[in-house]
Amino acid sequence: MRLLVRLRDADRSLTKDVASRIPPGVGTVLSAVEETAESTKLWCGAAAAMAWLGGWRGRKAAGTGLGALVMAQLISNGLCKQLADRPRPPKEWFPHHEVEDRPDSSSFPSGHTAAAVAFTAAVAPTWPAAGAACAVPAAMLALERVQSGAHYPSDVAAGAAIGLASAWLTRHAPRLIRQHWLLG
């Protein structure tokens, strides 16, 4: 029980630190990335560019990335947010106006982070350069979710874990299903 209290306290302390230490100019850039990623626009645009410019490899990376993104969204927003009714961090912790523009849904987990990490992690094995390019806005988005007051760091970490699991499942599920149904 003490471990949970320590983790909660660390989560709150880190949230306050991030909120107070990000310079306003950096916060503006992070907000622009979040706005671009809202409703998965950034990742759908990246997938379209990959499919158009990357030939067979680009189409495969885009399809895998979008599949992982959909799975991450279903798990994070469709399931986990419904089960975990965690309130957002208190507004008074944040010295900026962005805190007024946050969703009313559960704070846990970060669906934005889940989608970003899922897309990036699913794309990277097929097209490493595209995965590296996607990693930059994905990391910025994860930081923005805490800086803006939308999430605690543990919400973002859980979203990242969901994203990684979704990417792994999307990449490996077809083979596992074939092995189970065809060989088992």
Protein backbone atom coordinates (compact mmCIF):
# COMPACT_ATOMS: atom_id res chain seq x y z
CA MET A 1 0.00 0.00 0.00
CA ARG A 2 2.87 2.36 0.78
CA LEU A 3 4.28 1.76 -2.68
CA LEU A 4 1.02 2.91 -4.28
CA VAL A 5 1.00 6.05 -2.14
CA ARG A 6 4.60 6.79 -3.14
CA LEU A 7 3.80 6.24 -6.81
CA ARG A 8 0.76 8.53 -6.58
CA ASP A 9 2.81 11.21 -4.83
CA ALA A 10 5.60 10.94 -7.42
CA ASP A 11 3.03 11.15 -10.22
CA ARG A 12 1.55 14.33 -8.75
CA SER A 13 4.93 15.90 -8.10
CA LEU A 14 6.16 15.17 -11.61
CA THR A 15 2.95 16.61 -13.08
CA LYS A 16 3.45 19.87 -11.18
CA ASP A 17 7.13 20.02 -12.17
CA VAL A 18 6.42 19.51 -15.88
CA ALA A 19 3.63 22.08 -15.81
CA SER A 20 5.81 24.72 -14.19
CA ARG A 21 9.11 24.09 -15.99
CA ILE A 22 8.13 23.99 -19.66
CA PRO A 23 8.88 27.44 -21.15
CA PRO A 24 5.88 29.14 -22.80
CA GLY A 25 7.43 28.98 -26.28
CA VAL A 26 8.00 25.24 -25.98
CA GLY A 27 4.46 24.85 -24.68
CA THR A 28 3.16 26.61 -27.78
CA VAL A 29 5.05 24.20 -30.05
CA LEU A 30 3.82 21.20 -28.05
CA SER A 31 0.24 22.50 -28.31
CA ALA A 32 0.59 22.83 -32.08
CA VAL A 33 1.72 19.21 -32.32
CA GLU A 34 -1.23 18.11 -30.16
CA GLU A 35 -3.65 20.09 -32.30
CA THR A 36 -2.27 18.43 -35.42
CA ALA A 37 -2.57 14.99 -33.82
CA GLU A 38 -6.14 15.59 -32.57
CA SER A 39 -8.53 12.94 -33.91
CA THR A 40 -5.47 11.09 -35.31
CA LYS A 41 -5.10 13.60 -38.18
CA LEU A 42 -1.30 13.61 -37.94
CA TRP A 43 -1.01 9.82 -38.07
CA CYS A 44 -3.52 9.46 -40.91
CA GLY A 45 -1.61 12.12 -42.85
CA ALA A 46 1.67 10.32 -42.19
CA ALA A 47 0.11 7.05 -43.36
CA ALA A 48 -1.13 8.70 -46.56
CA ALA A 49 2.33 10.14 -47.24
CA MET A 50 3.97 6.76 -46.59
CA ALA A 51 1.54 4.94 -48.88
CA TRP A 52 2.00 7.53 -51.63
CA LEU A 53 5.77 7.97 -51.42
CA GLY A 54 7.02 4.66 -50.05
CA GLY A 55 5.95 2.08 -52.59
CA TRP A 56 5.17 -1.38 -51.26
CA ARG A 57 7.10 -0.78 -48.04
CA GLY A 58 5.27 2.50 -47.44
CA ARG A 59 1.86 0.90 -47.99
CA LYS A 60 2.72 -1.96 -45.64
CA ALA A 61 4.03 0.44 -42.97
CA ALA A 62 0.97 2.69 -43.32
CA GLY A 63 -1.48 -0.20 -43.07
CA THR A 64 0.24 -1.73 -40.07
CA GLY A 65 0.50 1.67 -38.38
CA LEU A 66 -3.18 2.44 -38.89
CA GLY A 67 -4.20 -1.03 -37.70
CA ALA A 68 -2.19 -0.58 -34.52
CA LEU A 69 -3.58 2.92 -34.03
CA VAL A 70 -7.18 1.64 -34.27
CA MET A 71 -6.46 -1.15 -31.81
CA ALA A 72 -4.82 1.28 -29.36
CA GLN A 73 -7.78 3.67 -29.60
CA LEU A 74 -10.26 0.86 -28.96
CA ILE A 75 -8.32 -0.37 -25.94
CA SER A 76 -7.51 3.03 -24.42
CA ASN A 77 -10.64 5.05 -25.20
CA GLY A 78 -13.19 2.30 -25.74
CA LEU A 79 -12.26 0.09 -22.82
CA CYS A 80 -9.80 1.50 -20.29
CA LYS A 81 -11.29 5.00 -19.98
CA GLN A 82 -14.68 3.40 -19.39
CA LEU A 83 -13.30 1.22 -16.58
CA ALA A 84 -11.00 3.78 -14.94
CA ASP A 85 -12.76 6.92 -13.84
CA ARG A 86 -9.69 8.93 -12.94
CA PRO A 87 -10.14 12.70 -12.70
CA ARG A 88 -7.83 15.00 -14.64
CA PRO A 89 -5.08 16.80 -12.70
CA PRO A 90 -6.39 19.82 -10.75
CA LYS A 91 -6.57 22.98 -12.87
CA GLU A 92 -4.83 25.09 -10.23
CA TRP A 93 -1.57 23.19 -10.82
CA PHE A 94 -1.21 24.72 -14.29
CA PRO A 95 -0.13 28.33 -14.84
CA HIS A 96 -1.58 28.61 -18.35
CA HIS A 97 -4.91 28.73 -20.15
CA GLU A 98 -4.57 25.37 -21.95
CA VAL A 99 -5.93 23.60 -18.90
CA GLU A 100 -9.37 25.00 -19.75
CA ASP A 101 -9.39 23.14 -23.08
CA ARG A 102 -9.16 19.54 -21.93
CA PRO A 103 -11.61 16.65 -22.27
CA ASP A 104 -14.10 15.62 -19.60
CA SER A 105 -13.35 11.91 -20.01
CA SER A 106 -11.23 9.84 -17.65
CA SER A 107 -7.60 10.85 -17.42
CA PHE A 108 -6.43 7.23 -17.50
CA PRO A 109 -4.93 6.27 -19.93
CA SER A 110 -3.79 8.82 -22.50
CA GLY A 111 -5.50 7.89 -25.76
CA HIS A 112 -3.39 10.43 -27.68
CA THR A 113 -0.20 8.75 -26.47
CA ALA A 114 -1.56 5.25 -27.11
CA ALA A 115 -2.36 6.15 -30.72
CA ALA A 116 0.96 7.93 -31.33
CA VAL A 117 3.09 5.15 -29.88
CA ALA A 118 1.06 2.41 -31.59
CA PHE A 119 1.41 4.03 -35.00
CA THR A 120 5.11 4.77 -34.55
CA ALA A 121 6.03 1.36 -33.13
CA ALA A 122 4.10 -0.47 -35.85
CA VAL A 123 5.67 1.55 -38.67
CA ALA A 124 9.28 1.38 -37.43
CA PRO A 125 10.09 -2.31 -38.16
CA THR A 126 8.91 -2.02 -41.77
CA TRP A 127 10.31 1.44 -42.47
CA PRO A 128 12.81 2.50 -39.78
CA ALA A 129 13.35 6.03 -41.17
CA ALA A 130 9.61 6.73 -41.15
CA GLY A 131 9.35 5.29 -37.65
CA ALA A 132 12.15 7.58 -36.47
CA ALA A 133 10.43 10.57 -38.08
CA CYS A 134 7.16 9.67 -36.33
CA ALA A 135 8.92 9.21 -32.98
CA VAL A 136 9.66 12.93 -32.69
CA PRO A 137 6.03 14.18 -32.73
CA ALA A 138 4.96 11.11 -30.71
CA ALA A 139 7.38 12.06 -27.92
CA MET A 140 6.34 15.71 -28.11
CA LEU A 141 2.69 14.71 -27.89
CA ALA A 142 3.33 12.58 -24.79
CA LEU A 143 5.06 15.51 -23.07
CA GLU A 144 2.29 17.89 -24.12
CA ARG A 145 -0.39 15.72 -22.52
CA VAL A 146 1.22 16.29 -19.10
CA GLN A 147 2.28 19.91 -19.73
CA SER A 148 -1.24 20.91 -20.77
CA GLY A 149 -2.89 19.43 -17.69
CA ALA A 150 -4.75 16.72 -19.59
CA HIS A 151 -2.90 13.80 -17.97
CA TYR A 152 -0.64 12.59 -15.22
CA PRO A 153 2.67 11.00 -16.30
CA SER A 154 1.30 7.57 -15.33
CA ASP A 155 -1.60 8.11 -17.77
CA VAL A 156 0.92 8.79 -20.52
CA ALA A 157 3.04 5.77 -19.52
CA ALA A 158 -0.04 3.54 -19.60
CA GLY A 159 -0.98 4.96 -22.99
CA ALA A 160 2.52 4.22 -24.28
CA ALA A 161 2.31 0.64 -22.96
CA ILE A 162 -1.05 0.17 -24.70
CA GLY A 163 0.46 1.59 -27.88
CA LEU A 164 3.43 -0.77 -27.76
CA ALA A 165 1.20 -3.77 -27.07
CA SER A 166 -1.13 -2.77 -29.91
CA ALA A 167 1.77 -2.44 -32.33
CA TRP A 168 3.14 -5.82 -31.30
CA LEU A 169 -0.25 -7.50 -31.63
CA THR A 170 -0.93 -5.89 -35.00
CA ARG A 171 2.41 -7.05 -36.35
CA HIS A 172 2.30 -10.57 -34.87
CA ALA A 173 -1.38 -11.51 -34.68
CA PRO A 174 -1.68 -12.72 -38.30
CA ARG A 175 1.21 -15.17 -37.85
CA LEU A 176 -0.05 -16.32 -34.45
CA ILE A 177 -3.55 -16.87 -35.83
CA ARG A 178 -2.21 -18.83 -38.80
CA GLN A 179 -0.10 -21.00 -36.51
CA HIS A 180 -2.98 -21.65 -34.12
CA TRP A 181 -5.69 -22.33 -36.71
CA LEU A 182 -3.68 -23.94 -39.45
CA LEU A 183 -1.14 -25.90 -37.45
CA GLY A 184 -2.80 -26.33 -34.10
